[in-house]
PDB file of N, CA and C in Angstrom:
ATOM      1  N   MET A   1      -5.716  14.312  -9.159  1.00  0.00           N
ATOM      2  CA  MET A   1      -6.166  13.375  -8.151  1.00  0.00           C
ATOM      3  C   MET A   1      -6.446  13.824  -6.883  1.00  0.00           C
ATOM      4  N   SER A   2      -7.375  13.980  -6.075  1.00  0.00           N
ATOM      5  CA  SER A   2      -7.536  14.171  -4.666  1.00  0.00           C
ATOM      6  C   SER A   2      -6.844  13.458  -3.735  1.00  0.00           C
ATOM      7  N   PRO A   3      -6.391  14.015  -2.643  1.00  0.00           N
ATOM      8  CA  PRO A   3      -5.642  13.098  -1.729  1.00  0.00           C
ATOM      9  C   PRO A   3      -6.855  12.070  -1.133  1.00  0.00           C
ATOM     10  N   ARG A   4      -6.439  10.789  -0.758  1.00  0.00           N
ATOM     11  CA  ARG A   4      -7.085   9.729  -0.389  1.00  0.00           C
ATOM     12  C   ARG A   4      -6.846   9.593   1.278  1.00  0.00           C
ATOM     13  N   VAL A   5      -7.988   9.329   1.921  1.00  0.00           N
ATOM     14  CA  VAL A   5      -7.571   8.850   3.378  1.00  0.00           C
ATOM     15  C   VAL A   5      -8.353   7.575   3.626  1.00  0.00           C
ATOM     16  N   ALA A   6      -7.833   6.843   4.413  1.00  0.00           N
ATOM     17  CA  ALA A   6      -8.509   5.382   4.950  1.00  0.00           C
ATOM     18  C   ALA A   6      -8.990   5.630   6.461  1.00  0.00           C
ATOM     19  N   VAL A   7     -10.346   5.260   6.585  1.00  0.00           N
ATOM     20  CA  VAL A   7     -10.690   5.191   8.138  1.00  0.00           C
ATOM     21  C   VAL A   7     -11.315   3.830   8.552  1.00  0.00           C
ATOM     22  N   PHE A   8     -10.449   3.452   9.599  1.00  0.00           N
ATOM     23  CA  PHE A   8     -10.917   2.148   9.938  1.00  0.00           C
ATOM     24  C   PHE A   8     -11.941   2.309  11.318  1.00  0.00           C
ATOM     25  N   ASP A   9     -12.865   1.728  11.215  1.00  0.00           N
ATOM     26  CA  ASP A   9     -14.109   1.434  12.285  1.00  0.00           C
ATOM     27  C   ASP A   9     -13.775   0.107  13.018  1.00  0.00           C
ATOM     28  N   LEU A  10     -13.270   0.110  14.331  1.00  0.00           N
ATOM     29  CA  LEU A  10     -13.110  -1.071  14.675  1.00  0.00           C
ATOM     30  C   LEU A  10     -13.965  -1.295  16.004  1.00  0.00           C
ATOM     31  N   GLY A  11     -15.247  -1.976  15.674  1.00  0.00           N
ATOM     32  CA  GLY A  11     -16.444  -2.354  16.502  1.00  0.00           C
ATOM     33  C   GLY A  11     -16.059  -3.781  17.155  1.00  0.00           C
ATOM     34  N   SER A  12     -17.055  -3.830  17.817  1.00  0.00           N
ATOM     35  CA  SER A  12     -17.042  -5.416  18.524  1.00  0.00           C
ATOM     36  C   SER A  12     -17.415  -6.503  17.825  1.00  0.00           C
ATOM     37  N   SER A  13     -18.252  -6.194  16.816  1.00  0.00           N
ATOM     38  CA  SER A  13     -18.810  -7.267  16.072  1.00  0.00           C
ATOM     39  C   SER A  13     -18.220  -7.179  14.742  1.00  0.00           C
ATOM     40  N   SER A  14     -18.009  -6.004  14.151  1.00  0.00           N
ATOM     41  CA  SER A  14     -17.226  -6.001  12.767  1.00  0.00           C
ATOM     42  C   SER A  14     -16.134  -4.927  12.825  1.00  0.00           C
ATOM     43  N   PHE A  15     -15.232  -4.886  11.664  1.00  0.00           N
ATOM     44  CA  PHE A  15     -14.197  -3.934  11.720  1.00  0.00           C
ATOM     45  C   PHE A  15     -14.687  -3.502  10.064  1.00  0.00           C
ATOM     46  N   SER A  16     -14.525  -2.178   9.798  1.00  0.00           N
ATOM     47  CA  SER A  16     -14.924  -1.735   8.675  1.00  0.00           C
ATOM     48  C   SER A  16     -13.729  -0.668   8.121  1.00  0.00           C
ATOM     49  N   LEU A  17     -13.727  -0.660   6.854  1.00  0.00           N
ATOM     50  CA  LEU A  17     -12.874   0.487   6.213  1.00  0.00           C
ATOM     51  C   LEU A  17     -13.492   1.103   5.094  1.00  0.00           C
ATOM     52  N   LEU A  18     -13.276   2.595   5.298  1.00  0.00           N
ATOM     53  CA  LEU A  18     -13.832   3.524   4.267  1.00  0.00           C
ATOM     54  C   LEU A  18     -12.462   4.265   3.753  1.00  0.00           C
ATOM     55  N   VAL A  19     -12.441   4.082   2.289  1.00  0.00           N
ATOM     56  CA  VAL A  19     -11.406   4.771   1.695  1.00  0.00           C
ATOM     57  C   VAL A  19     -12.119   5.970   1.060  1.00  0.00           C
ATOM     58  N   ALA A  20     -11.766   7.253   1.230  1.00  0.00           N
ATOM     59  CA  ALA A  20     -12.513   8.212   0.620  1.00  0.00           C
ATOM     60  C   ALA A  20     -11.488   9.496   0.023  1.00  0.00           C
ATOM     61  N   GLU A  21     -11.888  10.076  -1.087  1.00  0.00           N
ATOM     62  CA  GLU A  21     -10.976  11.177  -1.625  1.00  0.00           C
ATOM     63  C   GLU A  21     -11.554  12.559  -0.762  1.00  0.00           C
ATOM     64  N   VAL A  22     -10.681  13.112  -0.516  1.00  0.00           N
ATOM     65  CA  VAL A  22     -10.985  14.485   0.193  1.00  0.00           C
ATOM     66  C   VAL A  22     -11.040  15.760  -0.880  1.00  0.00           C
ATOM     67  N   SER A  23     -12.321  16.332  -0.795  1.00  0.00           N
ATOM     68  CA  SER A  23     -12.395  17.424  -2.106  1.00  0.00           C
ATOM     69  C   SER A  23     -11.835  18.690  -1.269  1.00  0.00           C
ATOM     70  N   THR A  24     -11.680  19.636  -2.312  1.00  0.00           N
ATOM     71  CA  THR A  24     -11.046  20.948  -1.957  1.00  0.00           C
ATOM     72  C   THR A  24     -11.977  21.591  -0.836  1.00  0.00           C
ATOM     73  N   ALA A  25     -13.103  21.426  -1.054  1.00  0.00           N
ATOM     74  CA  ALA A  25     -14.023  21.993   0.096  1.00  0.00           C
ATOM     75  C   ALA A  25     -14.060  21.326   1.343  1.00  0.00           C
ATOM     76  N   GLY A  26     -13.252  20.230   1.567  1.00  0.00           N
ATOM     77  CA  GLY A  26     -13.110  19.457   2.641  1.00  0.00           C
ATOM     78  C   GLY A  26     -14.029  18.224   2.887  1.00  0.00           C
ATOM     79  N   GLY A  27     -14.989  17.932   1.927  1.00  0.00           N
ATOM     80  CA  GLY A  27     -15.961  16.843   1.715  1.00  0.00           C
ATOM     81  C   GLY A  27     -15.312  15.503   1.676  1.00  0.00           C
ATOM     82  N   LEU A  28     -16.030  14.424   1.800  1.00  0.00           N
ATOM     83  CA  LEU A  28     -15.343  13.045   1.571  1.00  0.00           C
ATOM     84  C   LEU A  28     -16.293  12.410   0.239  1.00  0.00           C
ATOM     85  N   GLU A  29     -15.584  11.930  -0.574  1.00  0.00           N
ATOM     86  CA  GLU A  29     -16.301  11.257  -1.594  1.00  0.00           C
ATOM     87  C   GLU A  29     -15.800   9.491  -1.345  1.00  0.00           C
ATOM     88  N   PRO A  30     -16.520   8.896  -1.028  1.00  0.00           N
ATOM     89  CA  PRO A  30     -16.360   7.251  -0.710  1.00  0.00           C
ATOM     90  C   PRO A  30     -15.627   6.645  -2.204  1.00  0.00           C
ATOM     91  N   VAL A  31     -14.676   5.937  -1.985  1.00  0.00           N
ATOM     92  CA  VAL A  31     -14.154   5.220  -3.515  1.00  0.00           C
ATOM     93  C   VAL A  31     -13.913   3.796  -2.998  1.00  0.00           C
ATOM     94  N   ALA A  32     -13.991   3.295  -1.785  1.00  0.00           N
ATOM     95  CA  ALA A  32     -14.156   1.897  -1.414  1.00  0.00           C
ATOM     96  C   ALA A  32     -14.402   1.775   0.067  1.00  0.00           C
ATOM     97  N   ARG A  33     -14.988   0.342   0.261  1.00  0.00           N
ATOM     98  CA  ARG A  33     -15.659   0.127   1.581  1.00  0.00           C
ATOM     99  C   ARG A  33     -15.216  -1.375   1.574  1.00  0.00           C
ATOM    100  N   HIS A  34     -14.883  -1.838   2.713  1.00  0.00           N
ATOM    101  CA  HIS A  34     -14.703  -3.186   3.092  1.00  0.00           C
ATOM    102  C   HIS A  34     -15.291  -3.376   4.616  1.00  0.00           C
ATOM    103  N   ARG A  35     -15.625  -4.642   4.891  1.00  0.00           N
ATOM    104  CA  ARG A  35     -16.123  -5.038   6.179  1.00  0.00           C
ATOM    105  C   ARG A  35     -15.755  -6.354   6.574  1.00  0.00           C
ATOM    106  N   ALA A  36     -15.299  -6.736   7.773  1.00  0.00           N
ATOM    107  CA  ALA A  36     -14.807  -7.870   8.197  1.00  0.00           C
ATOM    108  C   ALA A  36     -15.622  -8.145   9.611  1.00  0.00           C
ATOM    109  N   GLY A  37     -15.858  -9.565   9.873  1.00  0.00           N
ATOM    110  CA  GLY A  37     -16.911  -9.800  11.034  1.00  0.00           C
ATOM    111  C   GLY A  37     -15.743 -10.018  12.031  1.00  0.00           C
ATOM    112  N   VAL A  38     -15.802  -9.877  13.243  1.00  0.00           N
ATOM    113  CA  VAL A  38     -14.831 -10.266  14.328  1.00  0.00           C
ATOM    114  C   VAL A  38     -15.571 -10.655  15.303  1.00  0.00           C
ATOM    115  N   HIS A  39     -16.603 -10.407  15.934  1.00  0.00           N
ATOM    116  CA  HIS A  39     -17.390 -11.060  17.083  1.00  0.00           C
ATOM    117  C   HIS A  39     -16.536 -11.239  18.264  1.00  0.00           C
ATOM    118  N   LEU A  40     -15.922  -9.786  18.654  1.00  0.00           N
ATOM    119  CA  LEU A  40     -15.026  -9.913  19.923  1.00  0.00           C
ATOM    120  C   LEU A  40     -15.906 -10.289  21.257  1.00  0.00           C
ATOM    121  N   GLY A  41     -17.147  -9.991  21.125  1.00  0.00           N
ATOM    122  CA  GLY A  41     -18.127 -10.265  22.296  1.00  0.00           C
ATOM    123  C   GLY A  41     -18.113 -11.904  22.606  1.00  0.00           C
ATOM    124  N   GLU A  42     -17.801 -12.560  21.603  1.00  0.00           N
ATOM    125  CA  GLU A  42     -18.093 -14.061  21.881  1.00  0.00           C
ATOM    126  C   GLU A  42     -17.121 -14.588  22.981  1.00  0.00           C
ATOM    127  N   ALA A  43     -16.038 -13.868  23.276  1.00  0.00           N
ATOM    128  CA  ALA A  43     -14.897 -14.274  23.960  1.00  0.00           C
ATOM    129  C   ALA A  43     -15.341 -13.849  25.564  1.00  0.00           C
ATOM    130  N   LEU A  44     -16.378 -13.039  25.516  1.00  0.00           N
ATOM    131  CA  LEU A  44     -16.685 -12.459  26.958  1.00  0.00           C
ATOM    132  C   LEU A  44     -17.796 -13.434  27.669  1.00  0.00           C
ATOM    133  N   GLY A  45     -17.820 -13.331  28.804  1.00  0.00           N
ATOM    134  CA  GLY A  45     -19.011 -13.771  29.544  1.00  0.00           C
ATOM    135  C   GLY A  45     -19.386 -15.449  29.330  1.00  0.00           C
ATOM    136  N   GLY A  46     -18.185 -16.264  29.218  1.00  0.00           N
ATOM    137  CA  GLY A  46     -18.489 -17.697  29.041  1.00  0.00           C
ATOM    138  C   GLY A  46     -18.821 -17.924  27.425  1.00  0.00           C
ATOM    139  N   GLY A  47     -18.502 -16.955  26.480  1.00  0.00           N
ATOM    140  CA  GLY A  47     -18.907 -17.181  25.113  1.00  0.00           C
ATOM    141  C   GLY A  47     -18.478 -18.381  24.712  1.00  0.00           C
ATOM    142  N   SER A  48     -18.614 -18.476  23.398  1.00  0.00           N
ATOM    143  CA  SER A  48     -18.357 -20.046  22.712  1.00  0.00           C
ATOM    144  C   SER A  48     -17.017 -20.006  22.041  1.00  0.00           C
ATOM    145  N   ALA A  49     -16.328 -19.034  22.100  1.00  0.00           N
ATOM    146  CA  ALA A  49     -14.784 -19.015  21.494  1.00  0.00           C
ATOM    147  C   ALA A  49     -13.904 -18.393  22.423  1.00  0.00           C
ATOM    148  N   PRO A  50     -12.691 -19.053  22.878  1.00  0.00           N
ATOM    149  CA  PRO A  50     -11.827 -18.363  23.767  1.00  0.00           C
ATOM    150  C   PRO A  50     -11.118 -17.386  23.157  1.00  0.00           C
ATOM    151  N   TRP A  51     -10.517 -16.200  24.320  1.00  0.00           N
ATOM    152  CA  TRP A  51     -10.047 -15.025  23.716  1.00  0.00           C
ATOM    153  C   TRP A  51      -8.985 -15.034  22.882  1.00  0.00           C
ATOM    154  N   PRO A  52      -7.998 -16.046  23.010  1.00  0.00           N
ATOM    155  CA  PRO A  52      -6.929 -16.162  21.885  1.00  0.00           C
ATOM    156  C   PRO A  52      -7.234 -16.460  20.605  1.00  0.00           C
ATOM    157  N   VAL A  53      -8.228 -17.277  20.283  1.00  0.00           N
ATOM    158  CA  VAL A  53      -8.797 -17.421  18.897  1.00  0.00           C
ATOM    159  C   VAL A  53      -9.663 -16.250  18.462  1.00  0.00           C
ATOM    160  N   VAL A  54     -10.407 -15.438  19.243  1.00  0.00           N
ATOM    161  CA  VAL A  54     -11.055 -14.373  18.867  1.00  0.00           C
ATOM    162  C   VAL A  54      -9.821 -13.125  18.550  1.00  0.00           C
ATOM    163  N   ARG A  55      -9.160 -12.994  19.250  1.00  0.00           N
ATOM    164  CA  ARG A  55      -8.047 -12.258  19.125  1.00  0.00           C
ATOM    165  C   ARG A  55      -7.272 -12.232  18.119  1.00  0.00           C
ATOM    166  N   GLN A  56      -6.922 -13.432  17.589  1.00  0.00           N
ATOM    167  CA  GLN A  56      -6.150 -13.864  16.319  1.00  0.00           C
ATOM    168  C   GLN A  56      -7.046 -13.326  14.936  1.00  0.00           C
ATOM    169  N   GLY A  57      -8.310 -13.627  15.302  1.00  0.00           N
ATOM    170  CA  GLY A  57      -9.114 -13.354  14.231  1.00  0.00           C
ATOM    171  C   GLY A  57      -9.505 -11.928  13.819  1.00  0.00           C
ATOM    172  N   ALA A  58      -9.352 -11.219  15.000  1.00  0.00           N
ATOM    173  CA  ALA A  58      -9.351  -9.665  14.953  1.00  0.00           C
ATOM    174  C   ALA A  58      -8.279  -9.128  14.443  1.00  0.00           C
ATOM    175  N   LEU A  59      -6.956  -9.574  14.907  1.00  0.00           N
ATOM    176  CA  LEU A  59      -5.705  -9.208  14.184  1.00  0.00           C
ATOM    177  C   LEU A  59      -5.632  -9.615  12.660  1.00  0.00           C
ATOM    178  N   ARG A  60      -6.268 -10.856  12.246  1.00  0.00           N
ATOM    179  CA  ARG A  60      -6.293 -10.933  10.890  1.00  0.00           C
ATOM    180  C   ARG A  60      -7.242 -10.008  10.162  1.00  0.00           C
ATOM    181  N   ALA A  61      -8.280  -9.811  10.511  1.00  0.00           N
ATOM    182  CA  ALA A  61      -9.221  -8.951  10.134  1.00  0.00           C
ATOM    183  C   ALA A  61      -8.599  -7.380  10.070  1.00  0.00           C
ATOM    184  N   ALA A  62      -7.943  -7.047  10.946  1.00  0.00           N
ATOM    185  CA  ALA A  62      -7.244  -5.577  10.955  1.00  0.00           C
ATOM    186  C   ALA A  62      -6.323  -5.580   9.628  1.00  0.00           C
ATOM    187  N   ARG A  63      -5.571  -6.443   9.675  1.00  0.00           N
ATOM    188  CA  ARG A  63      -4.412  -6.749   8.857  1.00  0.00           C
ATOM    189  C   ARG A  63      -4.859  -6.784   7.282  1.00  0.00           C
ATOM    190  N   GLY A  64      -6.136  -7.453   7.152  1.00  0.00           N
ATOM    191  CA  GLY A  64      -6.732  -7.536   5.810  1.00  0.00           C
ATOM    192  C   GLY A  64      -7.255  -6.329   5.438  1.00  0.00           C
ATOM    193  N   LEU A  65      -7.861  -5.504   6.183  1.00  0.00           N
ATOM    194  CA  LEU A  65      -8.537  -4.328   5.839  1.00  0.00           C
ATOM    195  C   LEU A  65      -7.291  -3.294   5.442  1.00  0.00           C
ATOM    196  N   ALA A  66      -6.129  -3.386   6.258  1.00  0.00           N
ATOM    197  CA  ALA A  66      -5.095  -2.307   6.151  1.00  0.00           C
ATOM    198  C   ALA A  66      -4.513  -2.785   4.628  1.00  0.00           C
ATOM    199  N   LYS A  67      -4.261  -4.069   4.413  1.00  0.00           N
ATOM    200  CA  LYS A  67      -3.911  -4.448   3.059  1.00  0.00           C
ATOM    201  C   LYS A  67      -4.636  -3.991   1.825  1.00  0.00           C
ATOM    202  N   ALA A  68      -5.968  -4.101   2.054  1.00  0.00           N
ATOM    203  CA  ALA A  68      -7.182  -3.738   1.225  1.00  0.00           C
ATOM    204  C   ALA A  68      -7.142  -2.079   0.906  1.00  0.00           C
ATOM    205  N   ALA A  69      -6.662  -1.289   1.874  1.00  0.00           N
ATOM    206  CA  ALA A  69      -6.521   0.084   1.683  1.00  0.00           C
ATOM    207  C   ALA A  69      -5.280   0.422   1.043  1.00  0.00           C
ATOM    208  N   GLU A  70      -4.235  -0.245   0.878  1.00  0.00           N
ATOM    209  CA  GLU A  70      -2.988  -0.068   0.201  1.00  0.00           C
ATOM    210  C   GLU A  70      -3.050   0.322  -1.322  1.00  0.00           C
ATOM    211  N   PRO A  71      -3.835  -0.272  -2.067  1.00  0.00           N
ATOM    212  CA  PRO A  71      -3.835   0.067  -3.413  1.00  0.00           C
ATOM    213  C   PRO A  71      -4.283   1.481  -3.647  1.00  0.00           C
ATOM    214  N   TRP A  72      -5.192   2.229  -2.622  1.00  0.00           N
ATOM    215  CA  TRP A  72      -5.715   3.273  -2.851  1.00  0.00           C
ATOM    216  C   TRP A  72      -4.870   4.424  -2.444  1.00  0.00           C
ATOM    217  N   ALA A  73      -3.583   4.100  -1.901  1.00  0.00           N
ATOM    218  CA  ALA A  73      -2.396   5.107  -1.480  1.00  0.00           C
ATOM    219  C   ALA A  73      -3.035   6.075  -0.741  1.00  0.00           C
ATOM    220  N   PRO A  74      -3.919   5.867   0.597  1.00  0.00           N
ATOM    221  CA  PRO A  74      -4.249   6.943   1.413  1.00  0.00           C
ATOM    222  C   PRO A  74      -3.140   7.927   2.091  1.00  0.00           C
ATOM    223  N   VAL A  75      -3.109   9.255   2.100  1.00  0.00           N
ATOM    224  CA  VAL A  75      -2.169   9.839   2.668  1.00  0.00           C
ATOM    225  C   VAL A  75      -2.284   9.966   4.426  1.00  0.00           C
ATOM    226  N   ARG A  76      -3.400   9.464   4.750  1.00  0.00           N
ATOM    227  CA  ARG A  76      -3.766   9.558   6.043  1.00  0.00           C
ATOM    228  C   ARG A  76      -4.614   8.247   6.394  1.00  0.00           C
ATOM    229  N   ARG A  77      -4.342   7.787   7.657  1.00  0.00           N
ATOM    230  CA  ARG A  77      -5.131   6.621   8.065  1.00  0.00           C
ATOM    231  C   ARG A  77      -5.465   7.087   9.642  1.00  0.00           C
ATOM    232  N   ALA A  78      -6.766   6.669   9.924  1.00  0.00           N
ATOM    233  CA  ALA A  78      -7.311   6.918  11.250  1.00  0.00           C
ATOM    234  C   ALA A  78      -8.140   5.630  11.663  1.00  0.00           C
ATOM    235  N   ALA A  79      -7.904   5.227  13.048  1.00  0.00           N
ATOM    236  CA  ALA A  79      -8.710   4.113  13.516  1.00  0.00           C
ATOM    237  C   ALA A  79      -9.670   4.768  14.504  1.00  0.00           C
ATOM    238  N   LEU A  80     -10.925   4.486  14.517  1.00  0.00           N
ATOM    239  CA  LEU A  80     -11.933   4.841  15.347  1.00  0.00           C
ATOM    240  C   LEU A  80     -12.508   3.457  16.214  1.00  0.00           C
TER     241      LEU A  80
END
């Protein structure tokens, strides 16, 4: 089995997870993808949600994606 990596894309409207196997040539073959909406912008500029609520939602989303990566046993993790 090829080693696996987990990449977390932490954007302002959603957080995404890509788990991929690394080929011997250095390419990536996706094996799992997950996405969670976070809507961080809703707390800015008089948005509809207060920052503590949005922050807690973002933390829950990040923890959920980290947990979703566990069964794939990635040897490396990176957040972008």
